[in-house]
Each structure stands twice: as structure tokens, then as C-alpha cells.
């Protein structure tokens, strides 16, 4: 007979309480947006994949002794690269911006900028009389 294995016990937090060391998901998103021709799908250079971009940025952050790494990477329908940090807020990477730019330029990427995820607000108008033609006088 061996020792009895310990059961893993996870403690649930009461509703409304959030761990302070975990950033909300929206604040962990960072995009590499390409600023080339508007409406044109951007293609990565030959031999460069989204995963290689993620690994290069993680190497860059490790070299700067920043306790952050990108856990996921993907491409959206416009060709931008969407990255998700594991537990760090994207705004905390400001001091690493120049080094990250140099790392991506070394891969052959050009005409890009880093963009944080922002909350989008939709505005609805109700109970406003509209003109028959949509504009002008009655």
C-alpha cells in the first residue's frame, strides 16, 4: 500500500470578487495592425507565420526581463495579427514598444503599429421624430 494521493482542492471566490493579479481579457489583447493600403488584405513575408511572430515577441520580452509573454496569436479577416497576453495588461508593455518594433522589423514586417483593444460603444437613438425624406424640412 502506498501513500494516499492528495485531492486537489480549488477554492471558489464569492460572486463579485475578482483576483487582483489577473487582468481582464480585453486589457490583455494587443494587435499588430498593418497600415498599408486601406482595404487591402496584408500578407506576411515568405516563411513568416503568426506563431513565429508570437515567439519572436516573447523572446524580445524575455531579453528585456519583463515578466510577460504572449499566450495566443491569430490573424483576423483584415490580416492583422491579434495577440493575447497570459496575465499582463497590454499597457504595461509601453517601455518594450521600441524593442518589439525592432524584433518584428527583423522578421521582415513593415508598415505596422501596435494597437490595444478598446471598448466599442454602440449608440442607439429612440423616440426622435425623423423627416419623411430623412433630412431637410417637412
N, C-alpha and C. Protein backbone atom coordinates (compact mmCIF):
# COMPACT_ATOMS: atom_id res chain seq x y z
N UNK A 1 0.83 -1.18 0.00
CA UNK A 1 0.00 0.00 0.00
C UNK A 1 0.87 1.24 0.00
N UNK A 2 0.58 2.16 -0.86
CA UNK A 2 1.32 3.41 -0.92
C UNK A 2 0.56 4.52 -0.21
N UNK A 3 1.17 5.65 -0.26
CA UNK A 3 0.51 6.81 0.34
C UNK A 3 -0.73 7.18 -0.46
N UNK A 4 -1.71 7.66 0.25
CA UNK A 4 -2.93 8.10 -0.44
C UNK A 4 -2.64 9.43 -1.15
N UNK A 5 -3.09 9.53 -2.39
CA UNK A 5 -2.85 10.76 -3.14
C UNK A 5 -3.75 11.86 -2.61
N UNK A 6 -3.18 13.06 -2.55
CA UNK A 6 -3.96 14.20 -2.08
C UNK A 6 -4.88 14.67 -3.19
N UNK A 7 -6.07 15.03 -2.81
CA UNK A 7 -7.02 15.57 -3.77
C UNK A 7 -6.74 17.06 -3.95
N UNK A 8 -6.77 17.51 -5.19
CA UNK A 8 -6.60 18.94 -5.43
C UNK A 8 -7.88 19.65 -5.03
N UNK A 9 -7.73 20.67 -4.22
CA UNK A 9 -8.88 21.44 -3.77
C UNK A 9 -8.77 22.84 -4.35
N UNK A 10 -9.79 23.25 -5.06
CA UNK A 10 -9.81 24.61 -5.59
C UNK A 10 -10.84 25.40 -4.81
N UNK A 11 -10.44 26.61 -4.46
CA UNK A 11 -11.32 27.47 -3.69
C UNK A 11 -12.03 28.43 -4.63
N UNK A 12 -13.32 28.46 -4.55
CA UNK A 12 -14.08 29.39 -5.39
C UNK A 12 -14.24 30.70 -4.65
N UNK A 13 -14.12 31.79 -5.41
CA UNK A 13 -14.31 33.11 -4.83
C UNK A 13 -15.79 33.47 -4.86
N UNK A 14 -16.27 34.19 -3.85
CA UNK A 14 -17.67 34.63 -3.88
C UNK A 14 -17.92 35.52 -5.08
N UNK A 15 -19.17 35.58 -5.53
CA UNK A 15 -19.51 36.41 -6.68
C UNK A 15 -19.12 37.86 -6.44
N UNK A 16 -18.64 38.51 -7.48
CA UNK A 16 -18.30 39.92 -7.38
C UNK A 16 -16.85 40.16 -6.96
N UNK A 17 -16.15 39.14 -6.51
CA UNK A 17 -14.76 39.30 -6.09
C UNK A 17 -13.87 38.77 -7.21
N UNK A 18 -12.91 39.58 -7.62
CA UNK A 18 -12.00 39.20 -8.70
C UNK A 18 -10.58 39.23 -8.14
N UNK A 19 -9.78 38.25 -8.54
CA UNK A 19 -8.38 38.27 -8.12
C UNK A 19 -7.72 39.51 -8.69
N UNK A 20 -6.93 40.19 -7.88
CA UNK A 20 -6.32 41.44 -8.33
C UNK A 20 -5.15 41.23 -9.28
N UNK A 21 -4.52 40.05 -9.25
CA UNK A 21 -3.36 39.83 -10.10
C UNK A 21 -3.72 39.39 -11.52
N UNK A 22 -4.99 39.17 -11.79
CA UNK A 22 -5.42 38.74 -13.12
C UNK A 22 -6.09 39.91 -13.83
N UNK A 23 -5.59 40.25 -15.00
CA UNK A 23 -6.15 41.36 -15.77
C UNK A 23 -7.35 40.87 -16.57
N UNK A 24 -8.36 41.71 -16.74
CA UNK A 24 -9.50 41.34 -17.59
C UNK A 24 -9.01 41.03 -19.01
N UNK A 25 -9.71 40.14 -19.70
CA UNK A 25 -9.25 39.68 -21.00
C UNK A 25 -9.06 40.82 -22.01
N UNK A 26 -9.98 41.76 -22.03
CA UNK A 26 -9.88 42.86 -23.00
C UNK A 26 -8.58 43.64 -22.83
N UNK A 27 -8.09 43.77 -21.59
CA UNK A 27 -6.87 44.53 -21.33
C UNK A 27 -5.61 43.73 -21.65
N UNK A 28 -5.76 42.46 -21.99
CA UNK A 28 -4.61 41.62 -22.33
C UNK A 28 -4.45 41.45 -23.84
N UNK A 29 -5.26 42.12 -24.63
CA UNK A 29 -5.20 41.99 -26.10
C UNK A 29 -4.32 43.08 -26.69
N UNK A 30 -3.54 42.70 -27.67
CA UNK A 30 -2.70 43.63 -28.41
C UNK A 30 -2.73 43.21 -29.87
N UNK A 31 -2.86 44.18 -30.77
CA UNK A 31 -2.90 43.89 -32.20
C UNK A 31 -1.68 44.48 -32.88
N UNK A 32 -1.20 43.77 -33.88
CA UNK A 32 -0.22 44.32 -34.79
C UNK A 32 -1.02 44.69 -36.03
N UNK A 33 -1.33 45.97 -36.17
CA UNK A 33 -2.16 46.44 -37.28
C UNK A 33 -1.27 46.98 -38.38
N UNK A 34 -1.51 46.51 -39.58
CA UNK A 34 -0.72 46.94 -40.72
C UNK A 34 -1.36 48.17 -41.34
N UNK A 35 -0.52 49.17 -41.61
CA UNK A 35 -1.03 50.47 -42.05
C UNK A 35 -0.82 50.69 -43.54
N UNK A 36 -0.72 49.64 -44.30
CA UNK A 36 -0.53 49.77 -45.75
C UNK A 36 -1.79 50.28 -46.42
N UNK A 37 -2.04 49.85 -47.63
CA UNK A 37 -3.22 50.30 -48.37
C UNK A 37 -4.49 49.90 -47.65
N UNK A 38 -5.39 50.85 -47.55
CA UNK A 38 -6.65 50.61 -46.85
C UNK A 38 -7.52 49.64 -47.66
N UNK A 39 -8.09 48.66 -46.98
CA UNK A 39 -8.96 47.71 -47.63
C UNK A 39 -8.23 46.54 -48.28
N UNK A 40 -6.91 46.59 -48.27
CA UNK A 40 -6.13 45.52 -48.89
C UNK A 40 -5.70 44.53 -47.80
N UNK A 41 -5.91 43.26 -48.04
CA UNK A 41 -5.51 42.22 -47.10
C UNK A 41 -3.99 42.15 -47.05
N UNK A 42 -3.43 42.20 -45.85
CA UNK A 42 -1.99 42.17 -45.71
C UNK A 42 -1.49 40.73 -45.57
N UNK A 43 -0.44 40.43 -46.27
CA UNK A 43 0.16 39.10 -46.19
C UNK A 43 1.52 39.22 -45.50
N UNK A 44 1.83 38.20 -44.70
CA UNK A 44 3.12 38.17 -44.02
C UNK A 44 4.21 37.80 -45.03
N UNK A 45 5.45 38.21 -44.76
CA UNK A 45 6.55 37.83 -45.67
C UNK A 45 6.70 36.31 -45.78
N UNK A 46 7.30 35.87 -46.85
CA UNK A 46 7.50 34.44 -47.09
C UNK A 46 8.27 33.80 -45.93
N UNK A 47 7.75 32.69 -45.41
CA UNK A 47 8.41 31.96 -44.33
C UNK A 47 8.08 32.46 -42.93
N UNK A 48 7.31 33.53 -42.83
CA UNK A 48 6.94 34.08 -41.51
C UNK A 48 5.49 33.71 -41.22
N UNK A 49 5.27 33.05 -40.12
CA UNK A 49 3.94 32.65 -39.69
C UNK A 49 3.57 33.42 -38.44
N UNK A 50 2.31 33.43 -38.11
CA UNK A 50 1.81 34.14 -36.93
C UNK A 50 2.49 33.61 -35.66
N UNK A 51 2.67 32.31 -35.61
CA UNK A 51 3.32 31.70 -34.43
C UNK A 51 4.76 32.17 -34.28
N UNK A 52 5.45 32.36 -35.39
CA UNK A 52 6.83 32.85 -35.36
C UNK A 52 6.86 34.28 -34.82
N UNK A 53 5.87 35.09 -35.19
CA UNK A 53 5.78 36.46 -34.67
C UNK A 53 5.60 36.43 -33.16
N UNK A 54 4.71 35.55 -32.68
CA UNK A 54 4.47 35.42 -31.24
C UNK A 54 5.73 35.00 -30.50
N UNK A 55 6.45 34.01 -31.04
CA UNK A 55 7.66 33.54 -30.40
C UNK A 55 8.75 34.61 -30.39
N UNK A 56 8.85 35.37 -31.44
CA UNK A 56 9.85 36.44 -31.53
C UNK A 56 9.57 37.53 -30.49
N UNK A 57 8.30 37.88 -30.33
CA UNK A 57 7.95 38.89 -29.33
C UNK A 57 8.18 38.37 -27.91
N UNK A 58 7.90 37.09 -27.67
CA UNK A 58 8.17 36.51 -26.35
C UNK A 58 9.67 36.50 -26.04
N UNK A 59 10.48 36.21 -27.05
CA UNK A 59 11.93 36.24 -26.88
C UNK A 59 12.40 37.66 -26.56
N UNK A 60 11.81 38.62 -27.22
CA UNK A 60 12.15 40.03 -27.00
C UNK A 60 11.82 40.44 -25.57
N UNK A 61 10.63 40.08 -25.09
CA UNK A 61 10.22 40.43 -23.72
C UNK A 61 11.10 39.73 -22.70
N UNK A 62 11.48 38.49 -22.96
CA UNK A 62 12.37 37.76 -22.07
C UNK A 62 13.74 38.41 -21.99
N UNK A 63 14.24 38.91 -23.12
CA UNK A 63 15.53 39.59 -23.15
C UNK A 63 15.54 40.89 -22.39
N UNK A 64 14.37 41.51 -22.25
CA UNK A 64 14.25 42.77 -21.50
C UNK A 64 13.92 42.53 -20.03
N UNK A 65 13.85 41.26 -19.62
CA UNK A 65 13.49 40.89 -18.24
C UNK A 65 12.11 41.42 -17.85
N UNK A 66 11.18 41.36 -18.77
CA UNK A 66 9.79 41.75 -18.49
C UNK A 66 9.00 40.47 -18.25
N UNK A 67 8.31 40.41 -17.12
CA UNK A 67 7.56 39.20 -16.76
C UNK A 67 6.22 39.19 -17.50
N UNK A 68 6.28 38.92 -18.79
CA UNK A 68 5.07 38.86 -19.62
C UNK A 68 5.38 37.99 -20.83
N UNK A 69 4.35 37.32 -21.31
CA UNK A 69 4.51 36.59 -22.56
C UNK A 69 3.15 36.46 -23.24
N UNK A 70 3.21 36.31 -24.56
CA UNK A 70 2.01 36.18 -25.36
C UNK A 70 1.62 34.70 -25.40
N UNK A 71 0.40 34.40 -24.97
CA UNK A 71 -0.06 33.02 -24.90
C UNK A 71 -0.69 32.56 -26.21
N UNK A 72 -1.41 33.47 -26.89
CA UNK A 72 -2.11 33.10 -28.13
C UNK A 72 -1.83 34.13 -29.21
N UNK A 73 -1.91 33.69 -30.44
CA UNK A 73 -1.78 34.59 -31.58
C UNK A 73 -2.66 34.08 -32.70
N UNK A 74 -3.25 35.00 -33.42
CA UNK A 74 -4.10 34.64 -34.55
C UNK A 74 -4.19 35.79 -35.52
N UNK A 75 -4.82 35.54 -36.65
CA UNK A 75 -4.97 36.57 -37.67
C UNK A 75 -6.44 36.86 -37.85
N UNK A 76 -6.82 38.14 -37.96
CA UNK A 76 -8.22 38.45 -38.21
C UNK A 76 -8.47 38.56 -39.71
N UNK A 77 -9.70 38.86 -40.08
CA UNK A 77 -10.06 38.84 -41.50
C UNK A 77 -9.42 39.95 -42.32
N UNK A 78 -8.83 40.97 -41.65
CA UNK A 78 -8.15 42.05 -42.36
C UNK A 78 -6.66 41.81 -42.47
N UNK A 79 -6.18 40.72 -41.89
CA UNK A 79 -4.76 40.40 -41.97
C UNK A 79 -3.95 40.89 -40.80
N UNK A 80 -4.59 41.54 -39.81
CA UNK A 80 -3.88 41.99 -38.62
C UNK A 80 -3.61 40.80 -37.71
N UNK A 81 -2.54 40.89 -36.93
CA UNK A 81 -2.19 39.82 -36.01
C UNK A 81 -2.72 40.19 -34.62
N UNK A 82 -3.55 39.32 -34.05
CA UNK A 82 -4.13 39.55 -32.73
C UNK A 82 -3.40 38.68 -31.72
N UNK A 83 -2.83 39.33 -30.70
CA UNK A 83 -2.05 38.63 -29.68
C UNK A 83 -2.75 38.75 -28.34
N UNK A 84 -2.66 37.71 -27.51
CA UNK A 84 -3.24 37.74 -26.17
C UNK A 84 -2.15 37.45 -25.16
N UNK A 85 -1.98 38.36 -24.21
CA UNK A 85 -1.00 38.18 -23.14
C UNK A 85 -1.54 37.20 -22.12
N UNK A 86 -0.66 36.51 -21.44
CA UNK A 86 -1.11 35.49 -20.48
C UNK A 86 -1.74 36.12 -19.25
N UNK A 87 -1.10 37.09 -18.62
CA UNK A 87 -1.66 37.67 -17.40
C UNK A 87 -1.33 39.15 -17.22
N UNK A 88 -0.63 39.72 -18.15
CA UNK A 88 -0.20 41.11 -18.06
C UNK A 88 -1.10 41.99 -18.89
N UNK A 89 -1.28 43.23 -18.46
CA UNK A 89 -2.04 44.20 -19.25
C UNK A 89 -1.18 44.72 -20.39
N UNK A 90 -1.79 44.97 -21.53
CA UNK A 90 -1.05 45.45 -22.71
C UNK A 90 -0.41 46.81 -22.45
N UNK A 91 -1.02 47.62 -21.63
CA UNK A 91 -0.47 48.96 -21.36
C UNK A 91 0.84 48.89 -20.58
N UNK A 92 1.13 47.76 -19.94
CA UNK A 92 2.38 47.61 -19.19
C UNK A 92 3.57 47.34 -20.10
N UNK A 93 3.34 47.13 -21.39
CA UNK A 93 4.41 46.85 -22.33
C UNK A 93 4.91 48.10 -23.05
N UNK A 94 4.54 49.27 -22.56
CA UNK A 94 4.90 50.51 -23.23
C UNK A 94 6.41 50.66 -23.35
N UNK A 95 7.13 50.33 -22.29
CA UNK A 95 8.59 50.51 -22.34
C UNK A 95 9.28 49.51 -23.28
N UNK A 96 8.57 48.47 -23.68
CA UNK A 96 9.15 47.48 -24.59
C UNK A 96 8.75 47.73 -26.03
N UNK A 97 8.01 48.78 -26.30
CA UNK A 97 7.48 49.05 -27.63
C UNK A 97 8.55 49.14 -28.71
N UNK A 98 9.61 49.89 -28.45
CA UNK A 98 10.66 50.08 -29.46
C UNK A 98 11.38 48.76 -29.76
N UNK A 99 11.67 47.98 -28.71
CA UNK A 99 12.35 46.70 -28.90
C UNK A 99 11.45 45.71 -29.66
N UNK A 100 10.14 45.74 -29.38
CA UNK A 100 9.22 44.85 -30.10
C UNK A 100 9.12 45.26 -31.56
N UNK A 101 9.14 46.56 -31.84
CA UNK A 101 9.13 47.03 -33.23
C UNK A 101 10.36 46.52 -33.98
N UNK A 102 11.53 46.62 -33.33
CA UNK A 102 12.77 46.17 -33.96
C UNK A 102 12.74 44.67 -34.22
N UNK A 103 12.16 43.90 -33.29
CA UNK A 103 12.08 42.45 -33.46
C UNK A 103 11.22 42.09 -34.67
N UNK A 104 10.10 42.79 -34.84
CA UNK A 104 9.22 42.48 -35.98
C UNK A 104 9.81 42.99 -37.29
N UNK A 105 10.53 44.11 -37.24
CA UNK A 105 11.19 44.61 -38.44
C UNK A 105 12.26 43.62 -38.88
N UNK A 106 12.91 42.97 -37.91
CA UNK A 106 13.92 41.95 -38.22
C UNK A 106 13.32 40.74 -38.93
N UNK A 107 12.03 40.48 -38.71
CA UNK A 107 11.34 39.39 -39.40
C UNK A 107 10.91 39.78 -40.81
N UNK A 108 11.02 41.06 -41.13
CA UNK A 108 10.63 41.50 -42.47
C UNK A 108 9.28 42.19 -42.52
N UNK A 109 8.65 42.42 -41.37
CA UNK A 109 7.38 43.14 -41.34
C UNK A 109 7.64 44.63 -41.48
N UNK A 110 6.74 45.32 -42.16
CA UNK A 110 6.88 46.77 -42.28
C UNK A 110 5.50 47.41 -42.32
N UNK A 111 5.46 48.70 -42.10
CA UNK A 111 4.21 49.47 -42.08
C UNK A 111 3.20 48.90 -41.10
N UNK A 112 3.57 48.82 -39.84
CA UNK A 112 2.67 48.30 -38.81
C UNK A 112 2.71 49.18 -37.58
N UNK A 113 1.72 49.01 -36.75
CA UNK A 113 1.66 49.70 -35.46
C UNK A 113 1.03 48.77 -34.44
N UNK A 114 1.32 49.01 -33.16
CA UNK A 114 0.71 48.22 -32.10
C UNK A 114 -0.53 48.94 -31.60
N UNK A 115 -1.63 48.20 -31.45
CA UNK A 115 -2.90 48.78 -31.04
C UNK A 115 -3.49 47.94 -29.91
N UNK A 116 -3.90 48.61 -28.82
CA UNK A 116 -4.57 47.91 -27.73
C UNK A 116 -6.05 47.77 -28.06
N UNK A 117 -6.69 46.78 -27.47
CA UNK A 117 -8.12 46.57 -27.66
C UNK A 117 -8.88 47.66 -26.91
N UNK A 118 -9.87 48.23 -27.54
CA UNK A 118 -10.67 49.27 -26.89
C UNK A 118 -12.13 48.86 -26.86
N UNK A 119 -12.82 49.38 -25.90
CA UNK A 119 -14.24 49.05 -25.77
C UNK A 119 -15.01 49.83 -26.83
N UNK A 120 -15.85 49.13 -27.55
CA UNK A 120 -16.65 49.77 -28.59
C UNK A 120 -18.04 50.06 -28.04
N UNK A 121 -18.52 51.24 -28.32
CA UNK A 121 -19.82 51.67 -27.81
C UNK A 121 -20.75 51.89 -28.99
N UNK A 122 -21.92 51.28 -28.95
CA UNK A 122 -22.92 51.48 -29.99
C UNK A 122 -23.96 52.45 -29.45
N UNK A 123 -24.31 53.43 -30.25
CA UNK A 123 -25.28 54.44 -29.84
C UNK A 123 -26.59 54.18 -30.59
N UNK A 124 -27.66 54.09 -29.83
CA UNK A 124 -28.99 53.91 -30.41
C UNK A 124 -29.83 55.15 -30.14
N UNK A 125 -30.59 55.57 -31.13
CA UNK A 125 -31.46 56.74 -30.99
C UNK A 125 -32.90 56.24 -31.03
N UNK A 126 -33.67 56.66 -30.04
CA UNK A 126 -35.08 56.25 -29.99
C UNK A 126 -35.93 57.46 -29.64
N UNK A 127 -37.18 57.42 -30.04
CA UNK A 127 -38.16 58.46 -29.73
C UNK A 127 -37.77 59.83 -30.30
N UNK A 128 -37.15 59.84 -31.48
CA UNK A 128 -36.79 61.08 -32.14
C UNK A 128 -37.55 61.13 -33.46
N UNK A 129 -38.36 62.17 -33.66
CA UNK A 129 -39.10 62.25 -34.93
C UNK A 129 -38.15 62.49 -36.11
N UNK A 130 -38.30 61.72 -37.15
CA UNK A 130 -37.47 61.86 -38.32
C UNK A 130 -38.28 62.44 -39.48
N UNK A 131 -37.62 63.13 -40.36
CA UNK A 131 -38.28 63.71 -41.52
C UNK A 131 -38.61 62.59 -42.50
N UNK A 132 -39.62 62.83 -43.33
CA UNK A 132 -40.06 61.81 -44.29
C UNK A 132 -38.92 61.40 -45.23
N UNK A 133 -38.19 62.36 -45.75
CA UNK A 133 -37.09 62.07 -46.66
C UNK A 133 -35.78 61.77 -45.94
N UNK A 134 -35.78 61.90 -44.61
CA UNK A 134 -34.57 61.64 -43.84
C UNK A 134 -33.79 62.89 -43.52
N UNK A 135 -34.04 64.01 -44.24
CA UNK A 135 -33.35 65.24 -43.96
C UNK A 135 -34.15 66.42 -44.50
N UNK A 136 -33.78 67.64 -44.17
CA UNK A 136 -34.47 68.82 -44.68
C UNK A 136 -35.72 69.16 -43.89
N UNK A 137 -36.57 69.99 -44.48
CA UNK A 137 -37.81 70.43 -43.83
C UNK A 137 -38.94 69.46 -44.09
N UNK A 138 -40.08 69.67 -43.38
CA UNK A 138 -41.25 68.79 -43.54
C UNK A 138 -41.66 68.62 -44.95
